Every structure is written in structure tokens, then in C-alpha cells.
N, C-alpha and C. Protein backbone atom coordinates (compact mmCIF):
# COMPACT_ATOMS: atom_id res chain seq x y z
N MET A 1 170.00 50.21 150.15
CA MET A 1 169.18 51.18 149.42
C MET A 1 167.80 51.26 150.06
N ASP A 2 167.28 52.45 150.16
CA ASP A 2 165.94 52.66 150.71
C ASP A 2 164.91 52.28 149.65
N HIS A 3 164.19 51.16 149.88
CA HIS A 3 163.25 50.68 148.87
C HIS A 3 161.98 51.51 148.79
N ASP A 4 161.77 52.42 149.75
CA ASP A 4 160.60 53.29 149.68
C ASP A 4 160.94 54.64 149.06
N LEU A 5 162.14 54.76 148.57
CA LEU A 5 162.59 56.01 147.95
C LEU A 5 161.74 56.29 146.72
N HIS A 6 161.16 57.47 146.64
CA HIS A 6 160.31 57.83 145.51
C HIS A 6 161.04 58.65 144.47
N ALA A 7 162.12 59.27 144.85
CA ALA A 7 162.88 60.07 143.91
C ALA A 7 164.35 59.95 144.25
N ILE A 8 165.18 60.06 143.26
CA ILE A 8 166.62 60.04 143.48
C ILE A 8 167.10 61.47 143.28
N THR A 9 167.74 62.00 144.30
CA THR A 9 168.22 63.37 144.24
C THR A 9 169.71 63.35 143.95
N LEU A 10 170.09 64.01 142.89
CA LEU A 10 171.50 64.14 142.54
C LEU A 10 172.06 65.35 143.26
N PRO A 11 173.37 65.35 143.55
CA PRO A 11 173.97 66.50 144.24
C PRO A 11 173.75 67.79 143.45
N ASP A 12 173.50 68.88 144.19
CA ASP A 12 173.30 70.18 143.55
C ASP A 12 174.55 70.66 142.82
N SER A 13 175.70 70.19 143.28
CA SER A 13 176.96 70.72 142.76
C SER A 13 177.30 70.27 141.34
N ALA A 14 176.68 69.19 140.88
CA ALA A 14 177.09 68.71 139.56
C ALA A 14 175.95 68.00 138.85
N ALA A 15 175.92 68.16 137.55
CA ALA A 15 174.98 67.40 136.72
C ALA A 15 175.55 66.00 136.56
N PRO A 16 174.71 65.04 136.18
CA PRO A 16 175.23 63.69 135.96
C PRO A 16 176.35 63.71 134.93
N SER A 17 177.38 62.91 135.19
CA SER A 17 178.48 62.81 134.23
C SER A 17 178.10 61.83 133.13
N GLY A 18 178.89 61.82 132.05
CA GLY A 18 178.66 60.87 130.98
C GLY A 18 177.63 61.36 129.98
N VAL A 19 177.43 60.54 128.96
CA VAL A 19 176.48 60.84 127.90
C VAL A 19 175.06 60.63 128.40
N CYS A 20 174.15 61.47 127.95
CA CYS A 20 172.73 61.29 128.23
C CYS A 20 171.98 61.80 127.01
N GLU A 21 171.39 60.86 126.25
CA GLU A 21 170.72 61.27 125.01
C GLU A 21 169.32 60.68 124.94
N LEU A 22 168.45 61.40 124.28
CA LEU A 22 167.07 60.95 124.08
C LEU A 22 167.02 59.88 123.00
N VAL A 23 166.24 58.83 123.25
CA VAL A 23 166.02 57.77 122.28
C VAL A 23 164.52 57.74 121.99
N ALA A 24 164.15 57.87 120.73
CA ALA A 24 162.73 57.92 120.38
C ALA A 24 162.41 56.92 119.28
N ASP A 25 161.27 56.26 119.44
CA ASP A 25 160.67 55.41 118.42
C ASP A 25 161.68 54.43 117.80
N ALA A 26 161.87 54.45 116.48
CA ALA A 26 162.68 53.45 115.78
C ALA A 26 164.15 53.49 116.15
N VAL A 27 164.62 54.58 116.73
CA VAL A 27 166.03 54.70 117.12
C VAL A 27 166.38 53.68 118.21
N HIS A 28 165.37 53.19 118.94
CA HIS A 28 165.60 52.18 119.97
C HIS A 28 166.37 50.97 119.44
N LEU A 29 166.02 50.50 118.26
CA LEU A 29 166.66 49.31 117.72
C LEU A 29 168.18 49.50 117.58
N GLN A 30 168.59 50.63 117.03
CA GLN A 30 170.01 50.88 116.85
C GLN A 30 170.71 51.12 118.18
N ARG A 31 170.19 52.04 118.95
CA ARG A 31 170.90 52.45 120.17
C ARG A 31 170.89 51.37 121.25
N VAL A 32 169.72 50.82 121.56
CA VAL A 32 169.60 49.89 122.69
C VAL A 32 170.07 48.49 122.32
N ILE A 33 169.65 48.00 121.15
CA ILE A 33 169.96 46.62 120.78
C ILE A 33 171.30 46.52 120.05
N ARG A 34 171.43 47.18 118.91
CA ARG A 34 172.66 47.01 118.11
C ARG A 34 173.89 47.61 118.79
N ASP A 35 173.78 48.87 119.24
CA ASP A 35 174.93 49.51 119.88
C ASP A 35 175.15 49.02 121.30
N GLY A 36 174.06 48.66 121.98
CA GLY A 36 174.15 48.29 123.39
C GLY A 36 174.25 46.80 123.61
N VAL A 37 173.11 46.12 123.61
CA VAL A 37 173.05 44.70 123.98
C VAL A 37 174.01 43.84 123.15
N LEU A 38 174.00 43.99 121.84
CA LEU A 38 174.80 43.11 120.99
C LEU A 38 176.30 43.32 121.14
N ASN A 39 176.71 44.41 121.78
CA ASN A 39 178.12 44.67 122.02
C ASN A 39 178.54 44.42 123.47
N ALA A 40 177.68 43.80 124.26
CA ALA A 40 178.01 43.52 125.66
C ALA A 40 179.22 42.61 125.75
N ARG A 41 180.06 42.88 126.71
CA ARG A 41 181.26 42.07 126.94
C ARG A 41 181.21 41.35 128.30
N VAL A 42 180.49 41.91 129.26
CA VAL A 42 180.48 41.37 130.62
C VAL A 42 179.08 40.99 131.08
N SER A 43 178.12 41.90 130.91
CA SER A 43 176.79 41.64 131.46
C SER A 43 175.71 42.43 130.74
N VAL A 44 174.49 41.87 130.78
CA VAL A 44 173.30 42.55 130.31
C VAL A 44 172.20 42.27 131.32
N ASP A 45 171.68 43.31 131.93
CA ASP A 45 170.55 43.21 132.84
C ASP A 45 169.36 43.88 132.18
N VAL A 46 168.24 43.15 132.08
CA VAL A 46 167.04 43.67 131.42
C VAL A 46 165.87 43.63 132.38
N MET A 47 165.18 44.75 132.53
CA MET A 47 163.89 44.82 133.22
C MET A 47 162.85 45.16 132.18
N THR A 48 161.80 44.36 132.08
CA THR A 48 160.76 44.61 131.08
C THR A 48 159.44 44.03 131.57
N ALA A 49 158.37 44.69 131.28
CA ALA A 49 157.07 44.14 131.64
C ALA A 49 156.68 43.03 130.67
N ASP A 50 157.07 43.16 129.42
CA ASP A 50 156.68 42.21 128.38
C ASP A 50 157.93 41.69 127.68
N PHE A 51 157.99 40.38 127.47
CA PHE A 51 159.16 39.74 126.88
C PHE A 51 158.73 38.87 125.71
N LYS A 52 159.15 39.27 124.52
CA LYS A 52 158.82 38.52 123.31
C LYS A 52 160.09 38.20 122.54
N ALA A 53 159.99 37.24 121.64
CA ALA A 53 161.13 36.85 120.80
C ALA A 53 161.21 37.78 119.60
N MET A 54 161.38 39.06 119.86
CA MET A 54 161.44 40.03 118.77
C MET A 54 162.57 39.70 117.82
N LEU A 55 162.31 39.84 116.54
CA LEU A 55 163.35 39.63 115.55
C LEU A 55 164.23 40.88 115.49
N VAL A 56 165.52 40.67 115.35
CA VAL A 56 166.46 41.78 115.28
C VAL A 56 167.01 41.85 113.86
N PRO A 57 166.34 42.64 113.01
CA PRO A 57 166.78 42.71 111.61
C PRO A 57 168.17 43.32 111.51
N THR A 58 168.93 42.81 110.56
CA THR A 58 170.25 43.39 110.32
C THR A 58 170.07 44.70 109.57
N LYS A 59 171.13 45.45 109.48
CA LYS A 59 171.05 46.73 108.78
C LYS A 59 170.72 46.54 107.30
N ASN A 60 171.10 45.38 106.72
CA ASN A 60 170.82 45.16 105.30
C ASN A 60 169.46 44.48 105.08
N GLY A 61 168.64 44.34 106.14
CA GLY A 61 167.29 43.82 105.98
C GLY A 61 167.18 42.33 105.80
N GLU A 62 168.13 41.57 106.32
CA GLU A 62 168.11 40.11 106.24
C GLU A 62 166.73 39.57 106.63
N LYS A 63 166.20 38.64 105.84
CA LYS A 63 164.84 38.13 106.07
C LYS A 63 164.73 37.18 107.25
N ASN A 64 165.68 36.30 107.43
CA ASN A 64 165.62 35.34 108.53
C ASN A 64 166.47 35.84 109.70
N ALA A 65 166.14 37.00 110.19
CA ALA A 65 166.90 37.61 111.26
C ALA A 65 166.72 36.82 112.55
N PRO A 66 167.80 36.67 113.33
CA PRO A 66 167.67 35.99 114.62
C PRO A 66 166.87 36.83 115.61
N SER A 67 166.29 36.16 116.58
CA SER A 67 165.51 36.86 117.60
C SER A 67 166.42 37.39 118.70
N ILE A 68 165.89 38.26 119.52
CA ILE A 68 166.64 38.76 120.67
C ILE A 68 166.98 37.62 121.61
N VAL A 69 166.12 36.60 121.71
CA VAL A 69 166.42 35.45 122.56
C VAL A 69 167.68 34.76 122.05
N ASN A 70 167.76 34.55 120.75
CA ASN A 70 168.94 33.93 120.14
C ASN A 70 170.19 34.75 120.44
N HIS A 71 170.09 36.06 120.29
CA HIS A 71 171.24 36.93 120.56
C HIS A 71 171.65 36.84 122.03
N LEU A 72 170.68 36.86 122.94
CA LEU A 72 171.01 36.79 124.37
C LEU A 72 171.64 35.45 124.72
N LEU A 73 171.13 34.37 124.13
CA LEU A 73 171.72 33.04 124.37
C LEU A 73 173.16 32.98 123.85
N ARG A 74 173.41 33.57 122.69
CA ARG A 74 174.78 33.59 122.14
C ARG A 74 175.72 34.39 123.03
N LEU A 75 175.22 35.51 123.54
CA LEU A 75 176.04 36.28 124.48
C LEU A 75 176.39 35.43 125.70
N ALA A 76 175.38 34.75 126.25
CA ALA A 76 175.59 33.91 127.44
C ALA A 76 176.59 32.79 127.16
N GLU A 77 176.49 32.21 125.98
CA GLU A 77 177.43 31.14 125.60
C GLU A 77 178.87 31.66 125.52
N ARG A 78 179.03 32.95 125.24
CA ARG A 78 180.37 33.57 125.21
C ARG A 78 180.83 34.01 126.60
N GLY A 79 179.98 33.78 127.62
CA GLY A 79 180.36 34.13 128.98
C GLY A 79 179.79 35.43 129.50
N VAL A 80 178.98 36.13 128.70
CA VAL A 80 178.33 37.35 129.17
C VAL A 80 177.21 36.95 130.13
N GLU A 81 177.16 37.57 131.30
CA GLU A 81 176.09 37.28 132.26
C GLU A 81 174.82 38.01 131.82
N VAL A 82 173.77 37.25 131.50
CA VAL A 82 172.50 37.80 131.05
C VAL A 82 171.45 37.52 132.11
N ARG A 83 170.85 38.59 132.64
CA ARG A 83 169.77 38.46 133.62
C ARG A 83 168.56 39.19 133.06
N LEU A 84 167.48 38.47 132.90
CA LEU A 84 166.25 39.01 132.32
C LEU A 84 165.14 38.92 133.36
N LEU A 85 164.64 40.06 133.80
CA LEU A 85 163.57 40.13 134.79
C LEU A 85 162.35 40.70 134.10
N HIS A 86 161.26 39.93 134.08
CA HIS A 86 160.06 40.37 133.36
C HIS A 86 158.83 40.13 134.22
N ALA A 87 157.70 40.69 133.79
CA ALA A 87 156.49 40.66 134.60
C ALA A 87 155.54 39.53 134.24
N GLY A 88 155.41 39.22 132.99
CA GLY A 88 154.39 38.27 132.57
C GLY A 88 154.97 36.96 132.10
N VAL A 89 154.18 36.24 131.36
CA VAL A 89 154.65 35.01 130.75
C VAL A 89 155.31 35.38 129.42
N PRO A 90 156.52 34.87 129.15
CA PRO A 90 157.14 35.19 127.86
C PRO A 90 156.24 34.73 126.71
N SER A 91 156.39 35.33 125.56
CA SER A 91 155.63 34.89 124.40
C SER A 91 155.93 33.42 124.10
N ARG A 92 155.02 32.77 123.40
CA ARG A 92 155.22 31.36 123.05
C ARG A 92 156.51 31.16 122.28
N ALA A 93 156.79 32.06 121.34
CA ALA A 93 158.02 31.94 120.55
C ALA A 93 159.26 32.06 121.44
N ALA A 94 159.23 32.98 122.41
CA ALA A 94 160.37 33.13 123.32
C ALA A 94 160.55 31.86 124.16
N LEU A 95 159.44 31.33 124.67
CA LEU A 95 159.53 30.09 125.46
C LEU A 95 160.05 28.93 124.62
N GLU A 96 159.60 28.83 123.39
CA GLU A 96 160.08 27.74 122.52
C GLU A 96 161.58 27.85 122.29
N GLU A 97 162.08 29.07 122.08
CA GLU A 97 163.52 29.23 121.88
C GLU A 97 164.29 28.89 123.15
N LEU A 98 163.76 29.30 124.29
CA LEU A 98 164.42 28.97 125.56
C LEU A 98 164.43 27.46 125.78
N LYS A 99 163.30 26.82 125.47
CA LYS A 99 163.22 25.36 125.64
C LYS A 99 164.18 24.64 124.71
N SER A 100 164.32 25.13 123.48
CA SER A 100 165.21 24.46 122.53
C SER A 100 166.67 24.60 122.95
N ALA A 101 166.97 25.59 123.77
CA ALA A 101 168.34 25.79 124.26
C ALA A 101 168.56 25.11 125.60
N SER A 102 167.52 24.51 126.16
CA SER A 102 167.60 23.91 127.49
C SER A 102 168.55 22.72 127.49
N PRO A 103 169.47 22.60 128.44
CA PRO A 103 169.60 23.51 129.57
C PRO A 103 170.24 24.84 129.14
N LEU A 104 169.77 25.89 129.77
CA LEU A 104 170.30 27.21 129.46
C LEU A 104 171.73 27.33 129.97
N PRO A 105 172.54 28.15 129.32
CA PRO A 105 173.89 28.40 129.84
C PRO A 105 173.78 28.94 131.27
N ASP A 106 174.76 28.62 132.10
CA ASP A 106 174.75 29.09 133.49
C ASP A 106 174.71 30.61 133.58
N THR A 107 175.18 31.28 132.55
CA THR A 107 175.23 32.74 132.57
C THR A 107 173.95 33.39 132.03
N PHE A 108 172.93 32.59 131.78
CA PHE A 108 171.64 33.13 131.29
C PHE A 108 170.56 32.77 132.31
N GLN A 109 169.97 33.80 132.92
CA GLN A 109 168.94 33.57 133.92
C GLN A 109 167.72 34.43 133.62
N VAL A 110 166.55 33.85 133.85
CA VAL A 110 165.29 34.55 133.64
C VAL A 110 164.48 34.44 134.92
N ARG A 111 163.96 35.55 135.39
CA ARG A 111 163.09 35.54 136.57
C ARG A 111 161.88 36.40 136.28
N ARG A 112 160.85 36.19 137.10
CA ARG A 112 159.58 36.88 136.87
C ARG A 112 159.09 37.54 138.15
N CYS A 113 158.64 38.78 138.02
CA CYS A 113 158.00 39.51 139.11
C CYS A 113 156.77 40.19 138.52
N PRO A 114 155.56 39.71 138.86
CA PRO A 114 154.35 40.26 138.25
C PRO A 114 154.11 41.75 138.49
N ARG A 115 154.77 42.33 139.48
CA ARG A 115 154.59 43.76 139.75
C ARG A 115 155.51 44.64 138.93
N LEU A 116 156.47 44.06 138.26
CA LEU A 116 157.44 44.85 137.51
C LEU A 116 156.79 45.56 136.33
N HIS A 117 157.00 46.85 136.25
CA HIS A 117 156.54 47.61 135.09
C HIS A 117 157.66 48.49 134.54
N ALA A 118 158.78 48.56 135.24
CA ALA A 118 159.93 49.36 134.79
C ALA A 118 160.56 48.74 133.56
N LYS A 119 161.15 49.59 132.74
CA LYS A 119 161.86 49.12 131.54
C LYS A 119 163.26 49.72 131.55
N ALA A 120 164.25 48.85 131.63
CA ALA A 120 165.65 49.29 131.63
C ALA A 120 166.52 48.19 131.05
N VAL A 121 167.59 48.59 130.41
CA VAL A 121 168.61 47.67 129.91
C VAL A 121 169.95 48.24 130.33
N ILE A 122 170.69 47.48 131.13
CA ILE A 122 172.00 47.92 131.61
C ILE A 122 173.05 47.01 130.97
N VAL A 123 173.98 47.62 130.26
CA VAL A 123 175.01 46.87 129.52
C VAL A 123 176.37 47.12 130.17
N ASP A 124 177.01 46.03 130.60
CA ASP A 124 178.36 46.07 131.18
C ASP A 124 178.45 47.05 132.36
N ALA A 125 177.34 47.28 133.04
CA ALA A 125 177.28 48.20 134.19
C ALA A 125 177.81 49.59 133.85
N SER A 126 177.88 49.92 132.55
CA SER A 126 178.45 51.21 132.17
C SER A 126 177.61 52.00 131.18
N ALA A 127 176.55 51.40 130.66
CA ALA A 127 175.64 52.10 129.75
C ALA A 127 174.24 51.59 130.04
N MET A 128 173.25 52.46 129.87
CA MET A 128 171.90 52.06 130.25
C MET A 128 170.85 52.75 129.39
N TYR A 129 169.82 51.97 129.06
CA TYR A 129 168.59 52.52 128.51
C TYR A 129 167.57 52.52 129.63
N LEU A 130 166.86 53.63 129.80
CA LEU A 130 165.77 53.74 130.76
C LEU A 130 164.65 54.47 130.06
N GLY A 131 163.50 53.81 129.90
CA GLY A 131 162.42 54.44 129.17
C GLY A 131 161.16 53.63 129.17
N SER A 132 160.36 53.82 128.14
CA SER A 132 159.04 53.22 128.09
C SER A 132 158.97 51.89 127.35
N ALA A 133 160.01 51.52 126.60
CA ALA A 133 159.94 50.37 125.69
C ALA A 133 160.15 49.03 126.38
N ASN A 134 159.24 48.09 126.13
CA ASN A 134 159.40 46.71 126.55
C ASN A 134 160.33 45.99 125.60
N LEU A 135 160.74 44.77 125.98
CA LEU A 135 161.59 43.93 125.14
C LEU A 135 160.72 43.22 124.11
N THR A 136 160.19 44.03 123.18
CA THR A 136 159.34 43.54 122.10
C THR A 136 159.71 44.27 120.81
N GLY A 137 159.34 43.71 119.69
CA GLY A 137 159.62 44.36 118.42
C GLY A 137 158.91 45.69 118.28
N ALA A 138 157.66 45.76 118.74
CA ALA A 138 156.92 47.02 118.66
C ALA A 138 157.53 48.08 119.57
N GLY A 139 158.04 47.64 120.72
CA GLY A 139 158.63 48.58 121.67
C GLY A 139 160.00 49.07 121.25
N LEU A 140 160.82 48.16 120.76
CA LEU A 140 162.21 48.51 120.47
C LEU A 140 162.47 48.82 119.00
N GLY A 141 161.45 49.16 118.26
CA GLY A 141 161.63 49.69 116.92
C GLY A 141 161.94 48.68 115.84
N ALA A 142 161.70 47.39 116.09
CA ALA A 142 162.01 46.38 115.09
C ALA A 142 160.84 46.11 114.15
N LYS A 143 159.73 46.76 114.36
CA LYS A 143 158.56 46.61 113.47
C LYS A 143 158.51 47.76 112.48
N ALA A 144 157.69 47.61 111.46
CA ALA A 144 157.52 48.67 110.46
C ALA A 144 156.89 49.91 111.10
N ASP A 145 157.09 51.05 110.46
CA ASP A 145 156.59 52.33 110.99
C ASP A 145 155.14 52.26 111.44
N ARG A 146 154.30 51.61 110.66
CA ARG A 146 152.86 51.57 110.96
C ARG A 146 152.52 50.66 112.13
N ASN A 147 153.46 49.79 112.55
CA ASN A 147 153.16 48.81 113.58
C ASN A 147 153.92 48.98 114.88
N ARG A 148 154.87 49.91 114.93
CA ARG A 148 155.64 50.05 116.16
C ARG A 148 154.99 51.05 117.10
N ASN A 149 155.35 50.93 118.37
CA ASN A 149 154.84 51.83 119.39
C ASN A 149 155.56 53.18 119.33
N PHE A 150 154.95 54.16 119.93
CA PHE A 150 155.61 55.45 120.11
C PHE A 150 156.27 55.39 121.48
N GLU A 151 157.59 55.38 121.50
CA GLU A 151 158.36 55.16 122.72
C GLU A 151 159.37 56.28 122.93
N LEU A 152 159.67 56.55 124.18
CA LEU A 152 160.71 57.51 124.55
C LEU A 152 161.56 56.92 125.67
N GLY A 153 162.82 57.25 125.64
CA GLY A 153 163.71 56.81 126.71
C GLY A 153 165.00 57.60 126.66
N VAL A 154 165.90 57.22 127.54
CA VAL A 154 167.20 57.88 127.64
C VAL A 154 168.28 56.81 127.57
N TRP A 155 169.31 57.06 126.78
CA TRP A 155 170.51 56.21 126.74
C TRP A 155 171.59 57.00 127.46
N THR A 156 172.23 56.40 128.46
CA THR A 156 173.19 57.14 129.26
C THR A 156 174.38 56.29 129.67
N THR A 157 175.50 56.97 129.88
CA THR A 157 176.69 56.35 130.47
C THR A 157 176.98 56.98 131.83
N SER A 158 176.01 57.66 132.39
CA SER A 158 176.18 58.36 133.66
C SER A 158 176.10 57.39 134.84
N PRO A 159 177.21 57.23 135.59
CA PRO A 159 177.17 56.36 136.77
C PRO A 159 176.12 56.81 137.79
N GLU A 160 175.91 58.14 137.88
CA GLU A 160 174.92 58.65 138.84
C GLU A 160 173.51 58.19 138.52
N LEU A 161 173.23 57.89 137.27
CA LEU A 161 171.92 57.38 136.88
C LEU A 161 171.89 55.85 136.84
N ILE A 162 172.98 55.25 136.38
CA ILE A 162 173.03 53.79 136.25
C ILE A 162 173.02 53.09 137.61
N GLU A 163 173.79 53.58 138.56
CA GLU A 163 173.94 52.89 139.84
C GLU A 163 172.63 52.71 140.59
N PRO A 164 171.78 53.74 140.73
CA PRO A 164 170.53 53.50 141.47
C PRO A 164 169.56 52.58 140.73
N VAL A 165 169.58 52.60 139.40
CA VAL A 165 168.73 51.67 138.65
C VAL A 165 169.25 50.24 138.83
N SER A 166 170.56 50.08 138.80
CA SER A 166 171.16 48.78 139.02
C SER A 166 170.85 48.26 140.42
N GLU A 167 170.88 49.12 141.41
CA GLU A 167 170.53 48.73 142.78
C GLU A 167 169.07 48.29 142.86
N SER A 168 168.20 49.00 142.18
CA SER A 168 166.78 48.63 142.15
C SER A 168 166.60 47.27 141.47
N PHE A 169 167.29 47.07 140.34
CA PHE A 169 167.23 45.79 139.65
C PHE A 169 167.68 44.67 140.59
N ASN A 170 168.82 44.85 141.25
CA ASN A 170 169.35 43.82 142.13
C ASN A 170 168.43 43.51 143.30
N ALA A 171 167.78 44.54 143.84
CA ALA A 171 166.84 44.32 144.94
C ALA A 171 165.67 43.46 144.48
N LEU A 172 165.15 43.73 143.30
CA LEU A 172 164.07 42.89 142.76
C LEU A 172 164.58 41.49 142.44
N TRP A 173 165.73 41.40 141.80
CA TRP A 173 166.31 40.12 141.39
C TRP A 173 166.52 39.19 142.59
N GLU A 174 167.00 39.77 143.69
CA GLU A 174 167.30 38.98 144.89
C GLU A 174 166.08 38.73 145.76
N GLY A 175 164.94 39.31 145.41
CA GLY A 175 163.71 39.06 146.17
C GLY A 175 163.57 39.92 147.41
N ASP A 176 164.30 41.02 147.50
CA ASP A 176 164.24 41.87 148.68
C ASP A 176 162.85 42.45 148.93
N ARG A 177 162.02 42.52 147.91
CA ARG A 177 160.69 43.11 148.07
C ARG A 177 159.59 42.06 148.14
N CYS A 178 159.94 40.79 148.10
CA CYS A 178 158.93 39.72 148.06
C CYS A 178 158.16 39.57 149.38
N GLU A 179 158.86 39.70 150.51
CA GLU A 179 158.23 39.41 151.80
C GLU A 179 156.96 40.22 152.05
N GLY A 180 156.97 41.49 151.80
CA GLY A 180 155.81 42.33 152.06
C GLY A 180 154.92 42.56 150.86
N CYS A 181 155.12 41.78 149.80
CA CYS A 181 154.38 41.99 148.56
C CYS A 181 152.90 41.62 148.73
N GLY A 182 152.03 42.45 148.19
CA GLY A 182 150.59 42.20 148.25
C GLY A 182 150.06 41.44 147.04
N ARG A 183 150.94 40.93 146.19
CA ARG A 183 150.50 40.22 144.98
C ARG A 183 150.88 38.74 145.01
N ARG A 184 151.02 38.19 146.20
CA ARG A 184 151.43 36.79 146.30
C ARG A 184 150.42 35.84 145.65
N ASP A 185 149.18 36.29 145.50
CA ASP A 185 148.17 35.44 144.87
C ASP A 185 148.49 35.16 143.40
N VAL A 186 149.20 36.07 142.75
CA VAL A 186 149.58 35.85 141.35
C VAL A 186 151.04 35.46 141.21
N CYS A 187 151.72 35.33 142.33
CA CYS A 187 153.13 34.98 142.32
C CYS A 187 153.42 34.06 143.50
N PRO A 188 152.83 32.87 143.52
CA PRO A 188 153.02 31.99 144.68
C PRO A 188 154.46 31.53 144.86
N VAL A 189 155.24 31.49 143.79
CA VAL A 189 156.65 31.14 143.87
C VAL A 189 157.43 32.38 143.50
N PRO A 190 157.94 33.12 144.49
CA PRO A 190 158.65 34.37 144.16
C PRO A 190 159.78 34.13 143.17
N LEU A 191 159.89 35.03 142.24
CA LEU A 191 160.97 35.04 141.25
C LEU A 191 161.06 33.74 140.47
N GLU A 192 159.89 33.22 140.10
CA GLU A 192 159.88 31.98 139.35
C GLU A 192 160.52 32.17 137.97
N SER A 193 161.20 31.14 137.52
CA SER A 193 161.75 31.12 136.18
C SER A 193 160.73 30.45 135.25
N PRO A 194 160.83 30.68 133.95
CA PRO A 194 159.87 30.04 133.06
C PRO A 194 160.00 28.52 133.10
N ASP A 195 158.88 27.84 133.00
CA ASP A 195 158.87 26.37 133.00
C ASP A 195 159.37 25.89 131.64
N LEU A 196 160.54 25.30 131.63
CA LEU A 196 161.13 24.83 130.37
C LEU A 196 161.02 23.32 130.22
N GLY A 197 160.25 22.71 131.13
CA GLY A 197 160.13 21.26 131.10
C GLY A 197 159.26 20.73 130.00
């Protein structure tokens, strides 16, 4: 893949195949998390600038709802490959949950790239969210109306859209862009995982 590519051009002969729908504000929780992530069977790849232990309320409003970290760990324990690529330091609550599960399942990996600002969730390599929302309660609609962000994104099953995003994710995950990176001062250990010691 050309890493300097600024735009992806789809063939003139056809529009992207598959579903492509707008996801706005509170709808993120249902579409991206409940319909998407929580139903993963094979893999979940997440790109996010911010990673917090957002609570995932049930539809009936359960008070002690598990966090997204708990859900991702449970998926990994069932054999789903979970790869989480984020830009900053996870929230304290997220780190505490990761530490309490240490050692992490082999199918759960977390890496960090300080330059990452893209937000995408790819489920089973066949469905994808691409938009503005980080992996936080305010971003993904898990907060009350007055406290959540105004977010927009697209939920799609289009291979023409999923494949190039997946290629971009894999290039970052594997460190293909680390060698020429100008931010080594804030990332002395490329693709560092959170310190769970």
C-alpha cells in the first residue's frame, strides 16, 4: 500500500458494495458497540486517539454495567483477536482493568502510536465504523444527552471501504511508518504497550 496516498479512489464503474449508513451521536452505542463489537466472532481492530474504560450500559439501564475493557477481554478469552491501537495513555480505570486481567489473553493486544488520530472499528474484517468518535463514553454515546459529544461516522459492510482502512491499520500496527517518524521524542519505544507491571 502506498503510505503517502492522500485519497482512495474507487472505480468509476461502481459504487461501493454493501451497507453504508450514517451514525450520529447516541446511535454510536447501539450500532458500533452493541451491534458491532459485542457480536464479534473472529476479530476486532480498533483505532482511537483516546482510550477510556467507558461503561457499556445494557438496554434495560443496568447500573453496574461492565466497561468496554471488560467486554474486549471477554471477547479475547473466547478466542476473538482484539487489537487496540491508540494515541495516548489509557485512562487510569482502563489501565487498572488491564492490570487486573494481567497476564492478558494472547488474543488481546494493545499498542500505542502518538501520531494516531484516526477513529475506526473493524469487526470480523466485514463491518466497519469510520468516523469522529474515540473509544470513550462521550464519543460512543454511552453518556447522558447533556454530556456526550456530537459525533458523526459511517457504519459499512463495503469491502471497498473496509480493505484500505484495514491496510492502514495493519501498516501502523506493524510499525511500517515508525522509521521516518518525526515524533520519536514522544515515542522512544515504537508501538509500546501499556505498562502493566
